[in-house]
Amino acid sequence: MPEVIFTVELPDGSKRECYSPSTVVFNYFHKGDEMSLTEFVSRSRRALTEASERVRARYGFACSSAADQLEQIERFARTQPEEGTVRILSI
């Protein structure tokens, strides 16, 4: 499956690269999108869960890298101002 790397700018101005094992992430994010931190985490959860399920359907097991990425997103989101905005810089 084609993997996708997308880069986000967090509310504090820092940048993070994120990984998806599937192009399904294109259904959730587009370059230039801006959204609340809460919305970013929610979309990430849906996108990475769907991506992992696509891997399961094809290979018979879930994608641990998608689960790891979601955990990282949730972890760094907890360090950000809750009312902040996330911007998709590249995808």
PDB file of N, CA and C in Angstrom:
ATOM      1  N   MET A   1       0.842  -1.174   0.000  1.00  0.00           N
ATOM      2  CA  MET A   1       0.000   0.000   0.000  1.00  0.00           C
ATOM      3  C   MET A   1       0.890   1.241   0.000  1.00  0.00           C
ATOM      4  N   PRO A   2       0.471   2.251  -0.731  1.00  0.00           N
ATOM      5  CA  PRO A   2       1.281   3.479  -0.746  1.00  0.00           C
ATOM      6  C   PRO A   2       1.144   4.247   0.565  1.00  0.00           C
ATOM      7  N   GLU A   3       2.266   4.591   1.133  1.00  0.00           N
ATOM      8  CA  GLU A   3       2.238   5.360   2.374  1.00  0.00           C
ATOM      9  C   GLU A   3       2.251   6.845   2.053  1.00  0.00           C
ATOM     10  N   VAL A   4       1.813   7.643   3.014  1.00  0.00           N
ATOM     11  CA  VAL A   4       1.741   9.091   2.852  1.00  0.00           C
ATOM     12  C   VAL A   4       2.374   9.744   4.077  1.00  0.00           C
ATOM     13  N   ILE A   5       3.240  10.707   3.819  1.00  0.00           N
ATOM     14  CA  ILE A   5       3.796  11.538   4.883  1.00  0.00           C
ATOM     15  C   ILE A   5       3.143  12.907   4.756  1.00  0.00           C
ATOM     16  N   PHE A   6       2.607  13.420   5.859  1.00  0.00           N
ATOM     17  CA  PHE A   6       2.039  14.759   5.830  1.00  0.00           C
ATOM     18  C   PHE A   6       2.659  15.579   6.956  1.00  0.00           C
ATOM     19  N   THR A   7       2.869  16.852   6.672  1.00  0.00           N
ATOM     20  CA  THR A   7       3.529  17.747   7.616  1.00  0.00           C
ATOM     21  C   THR A   7       2.517  18.747   8.142  1.00  0.00           C
ATOM     22  N   VAL A   8       2.510  18.901   9.457  1.00  0.00           N
ATOM     23  CA  VAL A   8       1.562  19.817  10.093  1.00  0.00           C
ATOM     24  C   VAL A   8       2.316  20.868  10.898  1.00  0.00           C
ATOM     25  N   GLU A   9       1.706  22.041  10.980  1.00  0.00           N
ATOM     26  CA  GLU A   9       2.200  23.084  11.868  1.00  0.00           C
ATOM     27  C   GLU A   9       1.253  23.152  13.053  1.00  0.00           C
ATOM     28  N   LEU A  10       1.806  23.013  14.234  1.00  0.00           N
ATOM     29  CA  LEU A  10       1.019  22.987  15.462  1.00  0.00           C
ATOM     30  C   LEU A  10       0.781  24.400  15.982  1.00  0.00           C
ATOM     31  N   PRO A  11      -0.144  24.549  16.915  1.00  0.00           N
ATOM     32  CA  PRO A  11      -0.460  25.882  17.444  1.00  0.00           C
ATOM     33  C   PRO A  11       0.749  26.652  17.975  1.00  0.00           C
ATOM     34  N   ASP A  12       1.753  25.952  18.501  1.00  0.00           N
ATOM     35  CA  ASP A  12       2.932  26.647  19.038  1.00  0.00           C
ATOM     36  C   ASP A  12       3.952  26.995  17.964  1.00  0.00           C
ATOM     37  N   GLY A  13       3.634  26.688  16.690  1.00  0.00           N
ATOM     38  CA  GLY A  13       4.528  26.998  15.578  1.00  0.00           C
ATOM     39  C   GLY A  13       5.474  25.877  15.205  1.00  0.00           C
ATOM     40  N   SER A  14       5.549  24.832  16.012  1.00  0.00           N
ATOM     41  CA  SER A  14       6.419  23.707  15.675  1.00  0.00           C
ATOM     42  C   SER A  14       5.802  22.895  14.540  1.00  0.00           C
ATOM     43  N   LYS A  15       6.650  22.156  13.851  1.00  0.00           N
ATOM     44  CA  LYS A  15       6.204  21.345  12.721  1.00  0.00           C
ATOM     45  C   LYS A  15       6.464  19.880  13.028  1.00  0.00           C
ATOM     46  N   ARG A  16       5.553  19.033  12.586  1.00  0.00           N
ATOM     47  CA  ARG A  16       5.680  17.586  12.788  1.00  0.00           C
ATOM     48  C   ARG A  16       5.362  16.871  11.489  1.00  0.00           C
ATOM     49  N   GLU A  17       6.123  15.831  11.201  1.00  0.00           N
ATOM     50  CA  GLU A  17       5.793  14.942  10.096  1.00  0.00           C
ATOM     51  C   GLU A  17       4.978  13.792  10.659  1.00  0.00           C
ATOM     52  N   CYS A  18       3.918  13.442   9.939  1.00  0.00           N
ATOM     53  CA  CYS A  18       3.041  12.352  10.351  1.00  0.00           C
ATOM     54  C   CYS A  18       2.971  11.330   9.223  1.00  0.00           C
ATOM     55  N   TYR A  19       2.676  10.098   9.582  1.00  0.00           N
ATOM     56  CA  TYR A  19       2.688   8.967   8.660  1.00  0.00           C
ATOM     57  C   TYR A  19       1.308   8.332   8.569  1.00  0.00           C
ATOM     58  N   SER A  20       0.943   7.958   7.355  1.00  0.00           N
ATOM     59  CA  SER A  20      -0.239   7.121   7.145  1.00  0.00           C
ATOM     60  C   SER A  20       0.163   5.969   6.230  1.00  0.00           C
ATOM     61  N   PRO A  21      -0.265   4.751   6.535  1.00  0.00           N
ATOM     62  CA  PRO A  21       0.071   3.615   5.683  1.00  0.00           C
ATOM     63  C   PRO A  21      -0.780   3.549   4.419  1.00  0.00           C
ATOM     64  N   SER A  22      -1.683   4.499   4.249  1.00  0.00           N
ATOM     65  CA  SER A  22      -2.627   4.460   3.135  1.00  0.00           C
ATOM     66  C   SER A  22      -2.936   5.873   2.652  1.00  0.00           C
ATOM     67  N   THR A  23      -3.313   5.960   1.394  1.00  0.00           N
ATOM     68  CA  THR A  23      -3.712   7.247   0.817  1.00  0.00           C
ATOM     69  C   THR A  23      -5.078   7.704   1.312  1.00  0.00           C
ATOM     70  N   VAL A  24      -5.747   6.921   2.130  1.00  0.00           N
ATOM     71  CA  VAL A  24      -7.050   7.324   2.664  1.00  0.00           C
ATOM     72  C   VAL A  24      -6.953   8.661   3.394  1.00  0.00           C
ATOM     73  N   VAL A  25      -5.771   9.000   3.870  1.00  0.00           N
ATOM     74  CA  VAL A  25      -5.571  10.271   4.576  1.00  0.00           C
ATOM     75  C   VAL A  25      -5.920  11.466   3.679  1.00  0.00           C
ATOM     76  N   PHE A  26      -5.841  11.288   2.356  1.00  0.00           N
ATOM     77  CA  PHE A  26      -6.228  12.358   1.427  1.00  0.00           C
ATOM     78  C   PHE A  26      -7.719  12.696   1.538  1.00  0.00           C
ATOM     79  N   ASN A  27      -8.511  11.782   2.068  1.00  0.00           N
ATOM     80  CA  ASN A  27      -9.941  12.051   2.274  1.00  0.00           C
ATOM     81  C   ASN A  27     -10.185  12.944   3.493  1.00  0.00           C
ATOM     82  N   TYR A  28      -9.173  13.105   4.321  1.00  0.00           N
ATOM     83  CA  TYR A  28      -9.320  13.832   5.578  1.00  0.00           C
ATOM     84  C   TYR A  28      -8.544  15.146   5.632  1.00  0.00           C
ATOM     85  N   PHE A  29      -7.441  15.218   4.889  1.00  0.00           N
ATOM     86  CA  PHE A  29      -6.579  16.398   4.933  1.00  0.00           C
ATOM     87  C   PHE A  29      -6.166  16.821   3.532  1.00  0.00           C
ATOM     88  N   HIS A  30      -6.008  18.132   3.367  1.00  0.00           N
ATOM     89  CA  HIS A  30      -5.506  18.710   2.116  1.00  0.00           C
ATOM     90  C   HIS A  30      -4.494  19.792   2.471  1.00  0.00           C
ATOM     91  N   LYS A  31      -3.517  19.977   1.613  1.00  0.00           N
ATOM     92  CA  LYS A  31      -2.526  21.031   1.828  1.00  0.00           C
ATOM     93  C   LYS A  31      -3.240  22.368   2.024  1.00  0.00           C
ATOM     94  N   GLY A  32      -2.839  23.078   3.056  1.00  0.00           N
ATOM     95  CA  GLY A  32      -3.423  24.385   3.340  1.00  0.00           C
ATOM     96  C   GLY A  32      -4.603  24.359   4.296  1.00  0.00           C
ATOM     97  N   ASP A  33      -5.145  23.176   4.578  1.00  0.00           N
ATOM     98  CA  ASP A  33      -6.253  23.087   5.541  1.00  0.00           C
ATOM     99  C   ASP A  33      -5.827  23.668   6.883  1.00  0.00           C
ATOM    100  N   GLU A  34      -6.744  24.379   7.523  1.00  0.00           N
ATOM    101  CA  GLU A  34      -6.557  24.840   8.893  1.00  0.00           C
ATOM    102  C   GLU A  34      -7.752  24.369   9.707  1.00  0.00           C
ATOM    103  N   MET A  35      -7.471  23.890  10.906  1.00  0.00           N
ATOM    104  CA  MET A  35      -8.546  23.372  11.755  1.00  0.00           C
ATOM    105  C   MET A  35      -8.123  23.480  13.208  1.00  0.00           C
ATOM    106  N   SER A  36      -9.098  23.349  14.071  1.00  0.00           N
ATOM    107  CA  SER A  36      -8.787  23.359  15.501  1.00  0.00           C
ATOM    108  C   SER A  36      -7.964  22.119  15.846  1.00  0.00           C
ATOM    109  N   LEU A  37      -7.248  22.206  16.931  1.00  0.00           N
ATOM    110  CA  LEU A  37      -6.465  21.068  17.403  1.00  0.00           C
ATOM    111  C   LEU A  37      -7.370  19.865  17.642  1.00  0.00           C
ATOM    112  N   THR A  38      -8.527  20.096  18.234  1.00  0.00           N
ATOM    113  CA  THR A  38      -9.478  19.016  18.499  1.00  0.00           C
ATOM    114  C   THR A  38      -9.921  18.352  17.203  1.00  0.00           C
ATOM    115  N   GLU A  39     -10.216  19.148  16.191  1.00  0.00           N
ATOM    116  CA  GLU A  39     -10.630  18.603  14.893  1.00  0.00           C
ATOM    117  C   GLU A  39      -9.491  17.830  14.248  1.00  0.00           C
ATOM    118  N   PHE A  40      -8.268  18.332  14.357  1.00  0.00           N
ATOM    119  CA  PHE A  40      -7.119  17.626  13.790  1.00  0.00           C
ATOM    120  C   PHE A  40      -6.963  16.245  14.424  1.00  0.00           C
ATOM    121  N   VAL A  41      -7.047  16.181  15.734  1.00  0.00           N
ATOM    122  CA  VAL A  41      -6.913  14.889  16.417  1.00  0.00           C
ATOM    123  C   VAL A  41      -8.054  13.962  16.010  1.00  0.00           C
ATOM    124  N   SER A  42      -9.256  14.476  15.926  1.00  0.00           N
ATOM    125  CA  SER A  42     -10.413  13.669  15.534  1.00  0.00           C
ATOM    126  C   SER A  42     -10.256  13.126  14.117  1.00  0.00           C
ATOM    127  N   ARG A  43      -9.889  13.994  13.180  1.00  0.00           N
ATOM    128  CA  ARG A  43      -9.691  13.536  11.792  1.00  0.00           C
ATOM    129  C   ARG A  43      -8.544  12.541  11.703  1.00  0.00           C
ATOM    130  N   SER A  44      -7.480  12.797  12.454  1.00  0.00           N
ATOM    131  CA  SER A  44      -6.340  11.875  12.452  1.00  0.00           C
ATOM    132  C   SER A  44      -6.770  10.503  12.946  1.00  0.00           C
ATOM    133  N   ARG A  45      -7.559  10.483  13.996  1.00  0.00           N
ATOM    134  CA  ARG A  45      -8.043   9.214  14.552  1.00  0.00           C
ATOM    135  C   ARG A  45      -8.859   8.448  13.510  1.00  0.00           C
ATOM    136  N   ARG A  46      -9.774   9.146  12.843  1.00  0.00           N
ATOM    137  CA  ARG A  46     -10.599   8.487  11.823  1.00  0.00           C
ATOM    138  C   ARG A  46      -9.749   8.016  10.643  1.00  0.00           C
ATOM    139  N   ALA A  47      -8.854   8.877  10.169  1.00  0.00           N
ATOM    140  CA  ALA A  47      -8.024   8.542   9.007  1.00  0.00           C
ATOM    141  C   ALA A  47      -7.106   7.362   9.300  1.00  0.00           C
ATOM    142  N   LEU A  48      -6.435   7.395  10.438  1.00  0.00           N
ATOM    143  CA  LEU A  48      -5.480   6.335  10.744  1.00  0.00           C
ATOM    144  C   LEU A  48      -6.171   5.026  11.101  1.00  0.00           C
ATOM    145  N   THR A  49      -7.340   5.089  11.690  1.00  0.00           N
ATOM    146  CA  THR A  49      -8.114   3.870  11.941  1.00  0.00           C
ATOM    147  C   THR A  49      -8.552   3.254  10.620  1.00  0.00           C
ATOM    148  N   GLU A  50      -9.055   4.082   9.717  1.00  0.00           N
ATOM    149  CA  GLU A  50      -9.466   3.578   8.403  1.00  0.00           C
ATOM    150  C   GLU A  50      -8.264   3.019   7.642  1.00  0.00           C
ATOM    151  N   ALA A  51      -7.133   3.704   7.709  1.00  0.00           N
ATOM    152  CA  ALA A  51      -5.924   3.224   7.033  1.00  0.00           C
ATOM    153  C   ALA A  51      -5.502   1.868   7.586  1.00  0.00           C
ATOM    154  N   SER A  52      -5.534   1.726   8.894  1.00  0.00           N
ATOM    155  CA  SER A  52      -5.163   0.461   9.516  1.00  0.00           C
ATOM    156  C   SER A  52      -6.116  -0.657   9.106  1.00  0.00           C
ATOM    157  N   GLU A  53      -7.399  -0.336   9.008  1.00  0.00           N
ATOM    158  CA  GLU A  53      -8.375  -1.344   8.583  1.00  0.00           C
ATOM    159  C   GLU A  53      -8.162  -1.748   7.125  1.00  0.00           C
ATOM    160  N   ARG A  54      -7.723  -0.824   6.290  1.00  0.00           N
ATOM    161  CA  ARG A  54      -7.390  -1.180   4.907  1.00  0.00           C
ATOM    162  C   ARG A  54      -6.223  -2.164   4.873  1.00  0.00           C
ATOM    163  N   VAL A  55      -5.239  -1.926   5.724  1.00  0.00           N
ATOM    164  CA  VAL A  55      -4.107  -2.854   5.819  1.00  0.00           C
ATOM    165  C   VAL A  55      -4.615  -4.212   6.288  1.00  0.00           C
ATOM    166  N   ARG A  56      -5.496  -4.221   7.289  1.00  0.00           N
ATOM    167  CA  ARG A  56      -6.052  -5.482   7.795  1.00  0.00           C
ATOM    168  C   ARG A  56      -6.794  -6.240   6.692  1.00  0.00           C
ATOM    169  N   ALA A  57      -7.586  -5.523   5.916  1.00  0.00           N
ATOM    170  CA  ALA A  57      -8.351  -6.161   4.841  1.00  0.00           C
ATOM    171  C   ALA A  57      -7.426  -6.779   3.794  1.00  0.00           C
ATOM    172  N   ARG A  58      -6.320  -6.131   3.557  1.00  0.00           N
ATOM    173  CA  ARG A  58      -5.419  -6.615   2.512  1.00  0.00           C
ATOM    174  C   ARG A  58      -4.459  -7.690   3.013  1.00  0.00           C
ATOM    175  N   TYR A  59      -3.926  -7.502   4.231  1.00  0.00           N
ATOM    176  CA  TYR A  59      -2.862  -8.383   4.715  1.00  0.00           C
ATOM    177  C   TYR A  59      -3.268  -9.272   5.890  1.00  0.00           C
ATOM    178  N   GLY A  60      -4.438  -9.033   6.457  1.00  0.00           N
ATOM    179  CA  GLY A  60      -4.905  -9.875   7.542  1.00  0.00           C
ATOM    180  C   GLY A  60      -4.508  -9.415   8.936  1.00  0.00           C
ATOM    181  N   PHE A  61      -3.875  -8.266   9.044  1.00  0.00           N
ATOM    182  CA  PHE A  61      -3.506  -7.724  10.356  1.00  0.00           C
ATOM    183  C   PHE A  61      -3.531  -6.203  10.300  1.00  0.00           C
ATOM    184  N   ALA A  62      -3.795  -5.604  11.447  1.00  0.00           N
ATOM    185  CA  ALA A  62      -3.841  -4.140  11.529  1.00  0.00           C
ATOM    186  C   ALA A  62      -2.437  -3.564  11.400  1.00  0.00           C
ATOM    187  N   CYS A  63      -2.360  -2.301  11.087  1.00  0.00           N
ATOM    188  CA  CYS A  63      -1.073  -1.621  10.923  1.00  0.00           C
ATOM    189  C   CYS A  63      -0.630  -1.006  12.247  1.00  0.00           C
ATOM    190  N   SER A  64       0.401  -1.566  12.839  1.00  0.00           N
ATOM    191  CA  SER A  64       0.891  -1.034  14.113  1.00  0.00           C
ATOM    192  C   SER A  64       1.502   0.355  13.940  1.00  0.00           C
ATOM    193  N   SER A  65       2.024   0.663  12.759  1.00  0.00           N
ATOM    194  CA  SER A  65       2.587   2.001  12.524  1.00  0.00           C
ATOM    195  C   SER A  65       1.503   3.073  12.565  1.00  0.00           C
ATOM    196  N   ALA A  66       0.315   2.753  12.080  1.00  0.00           N
ATOM    197  CA  ALA A  66      -0.799   3.710  12.149  1.00  0.00           C
ATOM    198  C   ALA A  66      -1.192   3.952  13.604  1.00  0.00           C
ATOM    199  N   ALA A  67      -1.243   2.886  14.384  1.00  0.00           N
ATOM    200  CA  ALA A  67      -1.570   3.026  15.807  1.00  0.00           C
ATOM    201  C   ALA A  67      -0.495   3.833  16.531  1.00  0.00           C
ATOM    202  N   ASP A  68       0.767   3.582  16.200  1.00  0.00           N
ATOM    203  CA  ASP A  68       1.862   4.339  16.809  1.00  0.00           C
ATOM    204  C   ASP A  68       1.770   5.818  16.451  1.00  0.00           C
ATOM    205  N   GLN A  69       1.460   6.110  15.173  1.00  0.00           N
ATOM    206  CA  GLN A  69       1.352   7.507  14.757  1.00  0.00           C
ATOM    207  C   GLN A  69       0.208   8.199  15.480  1.00  0.00           C
ATOM    208  N   LEU A  70      -0.914   7.530  15.614  1.00  0.00           N
ATOM    209  CA  LEU A  70      -2.036   8.127  16.335  1.00  0.00           C
ATOM    210  C   LEU A  70      -1.646   8.417  17.783  1.00  0.00           C
ATOM    211  N   GLU A  71      -0.943   7.503  18.406  1.00  0.00           N
ATOM    212  CA  GLU A  71      -0.489   7.724  19.783  1.00  0.00           C
ATOM    213  C   GLU A  71       0.425   8.950  19.862  1.00  0.00           C
ATOM    214  N   GLN A  72       1.317   9.098  18.884  1.00  0.00           N
ATOM    215  CA  GLN A  72       2.204  10.265  18.864  1.00  0.00           C
ATOM    216  C   GLN A  72       1.406  11.555  18.695  1.00  0.00           C
ATOM    217  N   ILE A  73       0.428  11.542  17.785  1.00  0.00           N
ATOM    218  CA  ILE A  73      -0.408  12.728  17.567  1.00  0.00           C
ATOM    219  C   ILE A  73      -1.137  13.095  18.852  1.00  0.00           C
ATOM    220  N   GLU A  74      -1.728  12.116  19.500  1.00  0.00           N
ATOM    221  CA  GLU A  74      -2.449  12.388  20.746  1.00  0.00           C
ATOM    222  C   GLU A  74      -1.504  12.914  21.822  1.00  0.00           C
ATOM    223  N   ARG A  75      -0.282  12.396  21.854  1.00  0.00           N
ATOM    224  CA  ARG A  75       0.696  12.833  22.848  1.00  0.00           C
ATOM    225  C   ARG A  75       1.117  14.277  22.591  1.00  0.00           C
ATOM    226  N   PHE A  76       1.493  14.611  21.337  1.00  0.00           N
ATOM    227  CA  PHE A  76       1.932  15.991  21.115  1.00  0.00           C
ATOM    228  C   PHE A  76       0.770  16.969  21.174  1.00  0.00           C
ATOM    229  N   ALA A  77      -0.442  16.521  20.892  1.00  0.00           N
ATOM    230  CA  ALA A  77      -1.609  17.406  20.998  1.00  0.00           C
ATOM    231  C   ALA A  77      -1.838  17.841  22.444  1.00  0.00           C
ATOM    232  N   ARG A  78      -1.545  16.958  23.388  1.00  0.00           N
ATOM    233  CA  ARG A  78      -1.728  17.298  24.807  1.00  0.00           C
ATOM    234  C   ARG A  78      -0.788  18.413  25.266  1.00  0.00           C
ATOM    235  N   THR A  79       0.271  18.669  24.508  1.00  0.00           N
ATOM    236  CA  THR A  79       1.237  19.708  24.891  1.00  0.00           C
ATOM    237  C   THR A  79       0.914  21.056  24.252  1.00  0.00           C
ATOM    238  N   GLN A  80      -0.146  21.109  23.447  1.00  0.00           N
ATOM    239  CA  GLN A  80      -0.482  22.310  22.690  1.00  0.00           C
ATOM    240  C   GLN A  80      -1.640  23.069  23.330  1.00  0.00           C
ATOM    241  N   PRO A  81      -1.731  24.377  23.038  1.00  0.00           N
ATOM    242  CA  PRO A  81      -2.893  25.134  23.508  1.00  0.00           C
ATOM    243  C   PRO A  81      -4.169  24.559  22.892  1.00  0.00           C
ATOM    244  N   GLU A  82      -5.124  24.219  23.727  1.00  0.00           N
ATOM    245  CA  GLU A  82      -6.339  23.542  23.272  1.00  0.00           C
ATOM    246  C   GLU A  82      -7.112  24.342  22.228  1.00  0.00           C
ATOM    247  N   GLU A  83      -7.091  25.659  22.332  1.00  0.00           N
ATOM    248  CA  GLU A  83      -7.846  26.498  21.399  1.00  0.00           C
ATOM    249  C   GLU A  83      -7.047  26.812  20.130  1.00  0.00           C
ATOM    250  N   GLY A  84      -5.869  26.222  19.981  1.00  0.00           N
ATOM    251  CA  GLY A  84      -4.995  26.527  18.852  1.00  0.00           C
ATOM    252  C   GLY A  84      -5.455  25.935  17.536  1.00  0.00           C
ATOM    253  N   THR A  85      -4.789  26.398  16.481  1.00  0.00           N
ATOM    254  CA  THR A  85      -5.090  25.970  15.116  1.00  0.00           C
ATOM    255  C   THR A  85      -3.937  25.137  14.571  1.00  0.00           C
ATOM    256  N   VAL A  86      -4.282  24.087  13.840  1.00  0.00           N
ATOM    257  CA  VAL A  86      -3.313  23.231  13.159  1.00  0.00           C
ATOM    258  C   VAL A  86      -3.449  23.490  11.668  1.00  0.00           C
ATOM    259  N   ARG A  87      -2.299  23.576  10.986  1.00  0.00           N
ATOM    260  CA  ARG A  87      -2.315  23.787   9.540  1.00  0.00           C
ATOM    261  C   ARG A  87      -1.594  22.630   8.862  1.00  0.00           C
ATOM    262  N   ILE A  88      -2.171  22.131   7.775  1.00  0.00           N
ATOM    263  CA  ILE A  88      -1.540  21.083   6.974  1.00  0.00           C
ATOM    264  C   ILE A  88      -0.603  21.781   5.994  1.00  0.00           C
ATOM    265  N   LEU A  89       0.698  21.593   6.179  1.00  0.00           N
ATOM    266  CA  LEU A  89       1.684  22.264   5.337  1.00  0.00           C
ATOM    267  C   LEU A  89       1.936  21.518   4.039  1.00  0.00           C
ATOM    268  N   SER A  90       1.955  20.196   4.122  1.00  0.00           N
ATOM    269  CA  SER A  90       2.169  19.387   2.916  1.00  0.00           C
ATOM    270  C   SER A  90       1.559  18.017   3.126  1.00  0.00           C
ATOM    271  N   ILE A  91       1.193  17.419   2.009  1.00  0.00           N
ATOM    272  CA  ILE A  91       0.644  16.064   2.035  1.00  0.00           C
ATOM    273  C   ILE A  91       0.818  15.461   0.656  1.00  0.00           C
TER     274      ILE A  91
END
